[in-house]
Each structure stands twice: as structure tokens, then as C-alpha cells.
PDB file of N, CA and C in Angstrom:
ATOM      1  N   UNK A   1      -3.544  13.841   5.318  1.00  0.00           N
ATOM      2  CA  UNK A   1      -4.443  15.094   6.276  1.00  0.00           C
ATOM      3  C   UNK A   1      -6.332  14.798   6.131  1.00  0.00           C
ATOM      4  N   UNK A   2      -6.945  14.880   7.342  1.00  0.00           N
ATOM      5  CA  UNK A   2      -7.987  14.409   7.219  1.00  0.00           C
ATOM      6  C   UNK A   2      -8.895  15.644   6.743  1.00  0.00           C
ATOM      7  N   UNK A   3      -9.813  15.213   5.926  1.00  0.00           N
ATOM      8  CA  UNK A   3     -11.119  16.059   5.175  1.00  0.00           C
ATOM      9  C   UNK A   3     -12.047  15.716   5.340  1.00  0.00           C
ATOM     10  N   UNK A   4     -13.189  16.326   4.552  1.00  0.00           N
ATOM     11  CA  UNK A   4     -14.653  15.975   4.337  1.00  0.00           C
ATOM     12  C   UNK A   4     -14.455  15.901   2.489  1.00  0.00           C
ATOM     13  N   UNK A   5     -15.128  14.704   2.448  1.00  0.00           N
ATOM     14  CA  UNK A   5     -15.629  13.993   1.054  1.00  0.00           C
ATOM     15  C   UNK A   5     -15.994  15.358   0.626  1.00  0.00           C
ATOM     16  N   UNK A   6     -15.599  15.693  -0.890  1.00  0.00           N
ATOM     17  CA  UNK A   6     -16.776  16.643  -1.207  1.00  0.00           C
ATOM     18  C   UNK A   6     -16.978  16.624  -3.102  1.00  0.00           C
ATOM     19  N   UNK A   7     -18.353  16.756  -3.485  1.00  0.00           N
ATOM     20  CA  UNK A   7     -18.145  16.699  -5.179  1.00  0.00           C
ATOM     21  C   UNK A   7     -17.687  18.406  -5.685  1.00  0.00           C
ATOM     22  N   UNK A   8     -16.951  17.628  -6.997  1.00  0.00           N
ATOM     23  CA  UNK A   8     -16.785  18.971  -7.217  1.00  0.00           C
ATOM     24  C   UNK A   8     -16.435  18.714  -8.806  1.00  0.00           C
ATOM     25  N   UNK A   9     -16.323  19.848  -9.824  1.00  0.00           N
ATOM     26  CA  UNK A   9     -15.566  19.438 -11.021  1.00  0.00           C
ATOM     27  C   UNK A   9     -14.474  19.855 -11.267  1.00  0.00           C
ATOM     28  N   UNK A  10     -13.800  19.027 -12.300  1.00  0.00           N
ATOM     29  CA  UNK A  10     -12.027  19.030 -12.879  1.00  0.00           C
ATOM     30  C   UNK A  10     -12.371  19.027 -14.183  1.00  0.00           C
ATOM     31  N   UNK A  11     -12.013  20.208 -15.000  1.00  0.00           N
ATOM     32  CA  UNK A  11     -12.143  19.872 -16.726  1.00  0.00           C
ATOM     33  C   UNK A  11     -13.611  19.216 -16.752  1.00  0.00           C
ATOM     34  N   UNK A  12     -14.275  20.041 -16.810  1.00  0.00           N
ATOM     35  CA  UNK A  12     -15.801  19.455 -16.544  1.00  0.00           C
ATOM     36  C   UNK A  12     -16.441  18.577 -16.386  1.00  0.00           C
ATOM     37  N   UNK A  13     -15.542  17.336 -15.581  1.00  0.00           N
ATOM     38  CA  UNK A  13     -16.000  16.177 -15.382  1.00  0.00           C
ATOM     39  C   UNK A  13     -16.452  16.446 -13.809  1.00  0.00           C
ATOM     40  N   UNK A  14     -17.406  16.027 -13.461  1.00  0.00           N
ATOM     41  CA  UNK A  14     -17.631  15.666 -12.233  1.00  0.00           C
ATOM     42  C   UNK A  14     -17.087  14.289 -11.101  1.00  0.00           C
ATOM     43  N   UNK A  15     -16.181  14.792  -9.778  1.00  0.00           N
ATOM     44  CA  UNK A  15     -15.201  14.302  -9.388  1.00  0.00           C
ATOM     45  C   UNK A  15     -15.585  14.707  -7.585  1.00  0.00           C
ATOM     46  N   UNK A  16     -14.843  13.501  -7.306  1.00  0.00           N
ATOM     47  CA  UNK A  16     -14.902  13.537  -5.546  1.00  0.00           C
ATOM     48  C   UNK A  16     -13.327  13.887  -5.042  1.00  0.00           C
ATOM     49  N   UNK A  17     -13.074  15.002  -4.016  1.00  0.00           N
ATOM     50  CA  UNK A  17     -12.291  15.608  -3.504  1.00  0.00           C
ATOM     51  C   UNK A  17     -12.080  15.082  -2.154  1.00  0.00           C
ATOM     52  N   UNK A  18     -11.069  15.329  -1.996  1.00  0.00           N
ATOM     53  CA  UNK A  18     -10.796  14.875  -0.277  1.00  0.00           C
ATOM     54  C   UNK A  18      -9.444  16.059  -0.078  1.00  0.00           C
ATOM     55  N   UNK A  19     -10.223  16.928   0.569  1.00  0.00           N
ATOM     56  CA  UNK A  19      -9.076  18.691   0.718  1.00  0.00           C
ATOM     57  C   UNK A  19      -9.545  18.995  -0.974  1.00  0.00           C
ATOM     58  N   UNK A  20      -7.918  19.129  -1.577  1.00  0.00           N
ATOM     59  CA  UNK A  20      -7.458  19.829  -2.766  1.00  0.00           C
ATOM     60  C   UNK A  20      -7.352  18.513  -3.344  1.00  0.00           C
ATOM     61  N   UNK A  21      -7.229  17.303  -3.191  1.00  0.00           N
ATOM     62  CA  UNK A  21      -7.480  16.311  -4.021  1.00  0.00           C
ATOM     63  C   UNK A  21      -7.973  15.662  -4.568  1.00  0.00           C
ATOM     64  N   UNK A  22      -8.410  15.299  -5.825  1.00  0.00           N
ATOM     65  CA  UNK A  22      -9.106  14.457  -6.933  1.00  0.00           C
ATOM     66  C   UNK A  22      -9.335  13.077  -6.304  1.00  0.00           C
ATOM     67  N   UNK A  23      -9.968  12.433  -5.906  1.00  0.00           N
ATOM     68  CA  UNK A  23      -9.788  11.307  -5.357  1.00  0.00           C
ATOM     69  C   UNK A  23     -10.124  10.145  -6.980  1.00  0.00           C
ATOM     70  N   UNK A  24      -9.669   8.951  -7.249  1.00  0.00           N
ATOM     71  CA  UNK A  24      -9.425   8.196  -8.106  1.00  0.00           C
ATOM     72  C   UNK A  24     -10.333   6.877  -8.030  1.00  0.00           C
ATOM     73  N   UNK A  25     -10.837   6.046  -8.689  1.00  0.00           N
ATOM     74  CA  UNK A  25     -11.016   4.648  -8.244  1.00  0.00           C
ATOM     75  C   UNK A  25     -10.258   3.842  -8.090  1.00  0.00           C
ATOM     76  N   UNK A  26      -9.685   3.147  -7.118  1.00  0.00           N
ATOM     77  CA  UNK A  26      -8.924   2.327  -6.593  1.00  0.00           C
ATOM     78  C   UNK A  26      -7.829   3.420  -5.089  1.00  0.00           C
ATOM     79  N   UNK A  27      -7.834   4.588  -5.178  1.00  0.00           N
ATOM     80  CA  UNK A  27      -7.767   4.942  -4.496  1.00  0.00           C
ATOM     81  C   UNK A  27      -7.418   4.386  -2.943  1.00  0.00           C
ATOM     82  N   UNK A  28      -6.956   3.872  -2.331  1.00  0.00           N
ATOM     83  CA  UNK A  28      -6.777   3.441  -0.773  1.00  0.00           C
ATOM     84  C   UNK A  28      -6.942   5.029   0.108  1.00  0.00           C
ATOM     85  N   UNK A  29      -7.811   4.973   0.915  1.00  0.00           N
ATOM     86  CA  UNK A  29      -8.443   5.817   2.030  1.00  0.00           C
ATOM     87  C   UNK A  29      -8.725   4.941   3.307  1.00  0.00           C
ATOM     88  N   UNK A  30      -8.354   5.721   4.000  1.00  0.00           N
ATOM     89  CA  UNK A  30      -9.198   5.529   5.383  1.00  0.00           C
ATOM     90  C   UNK A  30     -10.974   6.376   5.833  1.00  0.00           C
ATOM     91  N   UNK A  31     -11.912   5.907   6.456  1.00  0.00           N
ATOM     92  CA  UNK A  31     -12.456   6.103   6.544  1.00  0.00           C
ATOM     93  C   UNK A  31     -13.231   6.511   8.206  1.00  0.00           C
ATOM     94  N   UNK A  32     -13.630   7.406   8.790  1.00  0.00           N
ATOM     95  CA  UNK A  32     -13.713   7.487  10.252  1.00  0.00           C
ATOM     96  C   UNK A  32     -15.105   7.349  10.209  1.00  0.00           C
ATOM     97  N   UNK A  33     -15.152   6.396  11.348  1.00  0.00           N
ATOM     98  CA  UNK A  33     -16.369   6.029  11.583  1.00  0.00           C
ATOM     99  C   UNK A  33     -16.288   5.877  13.684  1.00  0.00           C
ATOM    100  N   UNK A  34     -17.574   5.657  14.054  1.00  0.00           N
ATOM    101  CA  UNK A  34     -17.610   6.152  15.576  1.00  0.00           C
ATOM    102  C   UNK A  34     -16.584   5.790  16.234  1.00  0.00           C
ATOM    103  N   UNK A  35     -16.346   4.480  15.681  1.00  0.00           N
ATOM    104  CA  UNK A  35     -15.295   3.466  16.341  1.00  0.00           C
ATOM    105  C   UNK A  35     -13.692   3.636  16.235  1.00  0.00           C
ATOM    106  N   UNK A  36     -13.229   4.513  15.035  1.00  0.00           N
ATOM    107  CA  UNK A  36     -12.205   4.712  14.337  1.00  0.00           C
ATOM    108  C   UNK A  36     -11.978   4.602  13.259  1.00  0.00           C
ATOM    109  N   UNK A  37     -10.723   4.470  12.934  1.00  0.00           N
ATOM    110  CA  UNK A  37     -10.229   4.713  11.409  1.00  0.00           C
ATOM    111  C   UNK A  37     -10.735   3.128  10.418  1.00  0.00           C
ATOM    112  N   UNK A  38     -11.397   3.379   9.306  1.00  0.00           N
ATOM    113  CA  UNK A  38     -11.281   1.835   8.617  1.00  0.00           C
ATOM    114  C   UNK A  38     -10.247   2.281   7.338  1.00  0.00           C
ATOM    115  N   UNK A  39      -9.471   1.033   6.912  1.00  0.00           N
ATOM    116  CA  UNK A  39      -8.696   1.066   5.668  1.00  0.00           C
ATOM    117  C   UNK A  39      -9.593   0.605   5.036  1.00  0.00           C
ATOM    118  N   UNK A  40      -9.666   1.123   3.496  1.00  0.00           N
ATOM    119  CA  UNK A  40     -10.410   0.740   2.470  1.00  0.00           C
ATOM    120  C   UNK A  40      -9.910   1.389   1.069  1.00  0.00           C
ATOM    121  N   UNK A  41     -10.583   0.732  -0.055  1.00  0.00           N
ATOM    122  CA  UNK A  41     -10.379   1.046  -1.101  1.00  0.00           C
ATOM    123  C   UNK A  41     -12.166   1.897  -1.568  1.00  0.00           C
ATOM    124  N   UNK A  42     -11.554   3.282  -2.503  1.00  0.00           N
ATOM    125  CA  UNK A  42     -12.360   4.275  -2.811  1.00  0.00           C
ATOM    126  C   UNK A  42     -12.618   4.021  -4.061  1.00  0.00           C
ATOM    127  N   UNK A  43     -13.881   4.107  -4.788  1.00  0.00           N
ATOM    128  CA  UNK A  43     -14.492   3.726  -5.998  1.00  0.00           C
ATOM    129  C   UNK A  43     -15.580   4.800  -6.206  1.00  0.00           C
ATOM    130  N   UNK A  44     -15.144   5.236  -7.725  1.00  0.00           N
ATOM    131  CA  UNK A  44     -16.527   6.106  -8.137  1.00  0.00           C
ATOM    132  C   UNK A  44     -16.279   6.264  -9.903  1.00  0.00           C
ATOM    133  N   UNK A  45     -17.963   5.744 -10.169  1.00  0.00           N
ATOM    134  CA  UNK A  45     -17.723   6.028 -11.886  1.00  0.00           C
ATOM    135  C   UNK A  45     -18.301   7.162 -12.024  1.00  0.00           C
ATOM    136  N   UNK A  46     -17.588   7.780 -12.800  1.00  0.00           N
ATOM    137  CA  UNK A  46     -17.957   9.046 -13.066  1.00  0.00           C
ATOM    138  C   UNK A  46     -19.183   9.189 -14.001  1.00  0.00           C
ATOM    139  N   UNK A  47     -19.270   8.022 -15.037  1.00  0.00           N
ATOM    140  CA  UNK A  47     -20.349   8.336 -15.775  1.00  0.00           C
ATOM    141  C   UNK A  47     -21.593   7.752 -15.491  1.00  0.00           C
ATOM    142  N   UNK A  48     -21.878   7.012 -14.782  1.00  0.00           N
ATOM    143  CA  UNK A  48     -22.662   6.870 -13.809  1.00  0.00           C
ATOM    144  C   UNK A  48     -23.540   7.838 -13.194  1.00  0.00           C
ATOM    145  N   UNK A  49     -22.329   8.463 -12.317  1.00  0.00           N
ATOM    146  CA  UNK A  49     -22.835   9.165 -11.574  1.00  0.00           C
ATOM    147  C   UNK A  49     -23.605   9.103 -10.119  1.00  0.00           C
ATOM    148  N   UNK A  50     -23.803   9.419  -8.950  1.00  0.00           N
ATOM    149  CA  UNK A  50     -24.099   8.866  -7.945  1.00  0.00           C
ATOM    150  C   UNK A  50     -23.380   9.229  -6.690  1.00  0.00           C
ATOM    151  N   UNK A  51     -23.088   8.503  -5.460  1.00  0.00           N
ATOM    152  CA  UNK A  51     -22.762   8.566  -4.777  1.00  0.00           C
ATOM    153  C   UNK A  51     -21.481   7.512  -4.331  1.00  0.00           C
ATOM    154  N   UNK A  52     -19.912   7.864  -4.083  1.00  0.00           N
ATOM    155  CA  UNK A  52     -19.253   6.696  -4.760  1.00  0.00           C
ATOM    156  C   UNK A  52     -19.099   5.187  -3.553  1.00  0.00           C
ATOM    157  N   UNK A  53     -18.254   4.752  -3.402  1.00  0.00           N
ATOM    158  CA  UNK A  53     -18.536   3.546  -2.692  1.00  0.00           C
ATOM    159  C   UNK A  53     -17.036   2.973  -2.405  1.00  0.00           C
ATOM    160  N   UNK A  54     -17.375   2.943  -0.806  1.00  0.00           N
ATOM    161  CA  UNK A  54     -15.981   2.538  -0.374  1.00  0.00           C
ATOM    162  C   UNK A  54     -16.096   0.812   0.227  1.00  0.00           C
ATOM    163  N   UNK A  55     -15.223   0.294  -0.141  1.00  0.00           N
ATOM    164  CA  UNK A  55     -15.063  -1.477  -0.035  1.00  0.00           C
ATOM    165  C   UNK A  55     -13.579  -1.655   0.748  1.00  0.00           C
ATOM    166  N   UNK A  56     -13.942  -2.487   1.971  1.00  0.00           N
ATOM    167  CA  UNK A  56     -13.144  -3.058   2.920  1.00  0.00           C
ATOM    168  C   UNK A  56     -13.886  -4.223   3.500  1.00  0.00           C
ATOM    169  N   UNK A  57     -12.739  -4.504   4.312  1.00  0.00           N
ATOM    170  CA  UNK A  57     -12.732  -6.108   4.209  1.00  0.00           C
ATOM    171  C   UNK A  57     -12.645  -6.222   5.924  1.00  0.00           C
ATOM    172  N   UNK A  58     -13.759  -7.652   6.505  1.00  0.00           N
ATOM    173  CA  UNK A  58     -14.369  -8.084   7.614  1.00  0.00           C
ATOM    174  C   UNK A  58     -13.160  -9.303   7.773  1.00  0.00           C
ATOM    175  N   UNK A  59     -12.390  -8.800   8.921  1.00  0.00           N
ATOM    176  CA  UNK A  59     -11.580 -10.497   9.240  1.00  0.00           C
ATOM    177  C   UNK A  59     -12.731 -11.674   9.674  1.00  0.00           C
ATOM    178  N   UNK A  60     -12.642 -12.476   9.266  1.00  0.00           N
ATOM    179  CA  UNK A  60     -13.679 -13.654   9.746  1.00  0.00           C
ATOM    180  C   UNK A  60     -12.452 -14.343  11.099  1.00  0.00           C
ATOM    181  N   UNK A  61     -13.266 -15.719  11.760  1.00  0.00           N
ATOM    182  CA  UNK A  61     -12.112 -16.813  12.021  1.00  0.00           C
ATOM    183  C   UNK A  61     -11.802 -17.246  10.867  1.00  0.00           C
ATOM    184  N   UNK A  62     -11.055 -18.841  11.633  1.00  0.00           N
ATOM    185  CA  UNK A  62     -10.253 -19.464  10.559  1.00  0.00           C
ATOM    186  C   UNK A  62      -9.798 -19.182   9.272  1.00  0.00           C
ATOM    187  N   UNK A  63      -9.216 -17.682   9.273  1.00  0.00           N
ATOM    188  CA  UNK A  63      -8.714 -17.032   8.587  1.00  0.00           C
ATOM    189  C   UNK A  63      -9.157 -16.467   7.244  1.00  0.00           C
ATOM    190  N   UNK A  64     -10.975 -16.155   7.464  1.00  0.00           N
ATOM    191  CA  UNK A  64     -12.103 -16.216   6.533  1.00  0.00           C
ATOM    192  C   UNK A  64     -11.415 -14.981   6.542  1.00  0.00           C
ATOM    193  N   UNK A  65     -12.193 -14.305   5.029  1.00  0.00           N
ATOM    194  CA  UNK A  65     -12.723 -12.629   4.859  1.00  0.00           C
ATOM    195  C   UNK A  65     -14.029 -12.229   4.194  1.00  0.00           C
ATOM    196  N   UNK A  66     -14.636 -11.392   4.977  1.00  0.00           N
ATOM    197  CA  UNK A  66     -15.956 -10.911   4.487  1.00  0.00           C
ATOM    198  C   UNK A  66     -15.895  -9.638   4.017  1.00  0.00           C
ATOM    199  N   UNK A  67     -16.017  -9.557   2.033  1.00  0.00           N
ATOM    200  CA  UNK A  67     -15.704  -8.381   1.754  1.00  0.00           C
ATOM    201  C   UNK A  67     -17.083  -7.761   1.668  1.00  0.00           C
ATOM    202  N   UNK A  68     -17.255  -6.498   2.035  1.00  0.00           N
ATOM    203  CA  UNK A  68     -18.246  -5.381   2.263  1.00  0.00           C
ATOM    204  C   UNK A  68     -17.866  -3.934   1.511  1.00  0.00           C
ATOM    205  N   UNK A  69     -19.159  -3.474   1.319  1.00  0.00           N
ATOM    206  CA  UNK A  69     -19.018  -2.189   0.498  1.00  0.00           C
ATOM    207  C   UNK A  69     -19.937  -1.225   1.284  1.00  0.00           C
ATOM    208  N   UNK A  70     -19.923   0.054   0.986  1.00  0.00           N
ATOM    209  CA  UNK A  70     -20.955   0.853   1.884  1.00  0.00           C
ATOM    210  C   UNK A  70     -20.895   2.121   0.672  1.00  0.00           C
ATOM    211  N   UNK A  71     -21.828   2.739   0.908  1.00  0.00           N
ATOM    212  CA  UNK A  71     -22.027   4.181  -0.391  1.00  0.00           C
ATOM    213  C   UNK A  71     -21.930   5.498   1.101  1.00  0.00           C
ATOM    214  N   UNK A  72     -20.769   6.233   0.142  1.00  0.00           N
ATOM    215  CA  UNK A  72     -20.275   7.082   1.197  1.00  0.00           C
ATOM    216  C   UNK A  72     -20.954   8.596   0.873  1.00  0.00           C
ATOM    217  N   UNK A  73     -21.261   9.167   2.307  1.00  0.00           N
ATOM    218  CA  UNK A  73     -21.972  10.421   2.226  1.00  0.00           C
ATOM    219  C   UNK A  73     -21.321  11.136   1.833  1.00  0.00           C
ATOM    220  N   UNK A  74     -21.584  12.817   0.791  1.00  0.00           N
ATOM    221  CA  UNK A  74     -20.505  13.708   0.652  1.00  0.00           C
ATOM    222  C   UNK A  74     -20.894  14.352   2.605  1.00  0.00           C
ATOM    223  N   UNK A  75     -19.163  14.684   2.688  1.00  0.00           N
ATOM    224  CA  UNK A  75     -19.364  15.378   4.110  1.00  0.00           C
ATOM    225  C   UNK A  75     -18.509  13.877   4.727  1.00  0.00           C
ATOM    226  N   UNK A  76     -18.306  13.031   4.462  1.00  0.00           N
ATOM    227  CA  UNK A  76     -17.665  12.166   5.420  1.00  0.00           C
ATOM    228  C   UNK A  76     -15.854  12.119   5.569  1.00  0.00           C
ATOM    229  N   UNK A  77     -15.928  12.104   6.751  1.00  0.00           N
ATOM    230  CA  UNK A  77     -14.254  12.288   7.027  1.00  0.00           C
ATOM    231  C   UNK A  77     -13.487  11.490   6.405  1.00  0.00           C
ATOM    232  N   UNK A  78     -12.006  11.908   5.927  1.00  0.00           N
ATOM    233  CA  UNK A  78     -11.339  11.041   5.594  1.00  0.00           C
ATOM    234  C   UNK A  78      -9.906  11.233   4.819  1.00  0.00           C
ATOM    235  N   UNK A  79      -9.251  10.453   5.156  1.00  0.00           N
ATOM    236  CA  UNK A  79      -8.053  10.904   5.238  1.00  0.00           C
ATOM    237  C   UNK A  79      -6.870   9.731   3.917  1.00  0.00           C
ATOM    238  N   UNK A  80      -6.345   9.645   3.039  1.00  0.00           N
ATOM    239  CA  UNK A  80      -5.444   9.037   2.839  1.00  0.00           C
ATOM    240  C   UNK A  80      -4.354   8.354   3.356  1.00  0.00           C
ATOM    241  N   UNK A  81      -4.407   7.143   2.944  1.00  0.00           N
ATOM    242  CA  UNK A  81      -3.854   5.453   3.526  1.00  0.00           C
ATOM    243  C   UNK A  81      -2.808   6.017   3.516  1.00  0.00           C
TER     244      UNK A  81
END
């Protein structure tokens, strides 16, 4: 189910939520971009705070892959993969 990424607290610790589910580092999610959905990995270090990161791969020619990441803004449209 699609939802907006939001910051919240669970057991007194800052967490990031998608709908009512707390996201954990390593969760595979899909991020809605202007051209469609991109599958990647959600990461966030509660001890460091700040915005979470979305890691994804871009396929290149000749079987190569480029690993990329972007900072996720609160409110980003996402869904579990």
C-alpha cells in the first residue's frame, strides 16, 4: 500500500514510518518518482538522526552497475516492495 514517509517516535526512539509500519534499515521499498517506481533499500541510523537514505542501482552497458543513493525527504511517496 502506498503511503507518505513520515518521522515519528516508537518506544521513545525516533523512527521513520510508512503508513503505520516502522521502517528498518535494509527494508526493500519502492520510491515513487516522476517517471514511475524505483526499487531500492531504505537505510537510517537512529543514533545519527537526520534524513534517511534510499540506495538503488542503475544498470549500465556491458553488464556494469552503478550504485547510487539519495536522501529521502519527509512525505516521499513509497510502498513496500
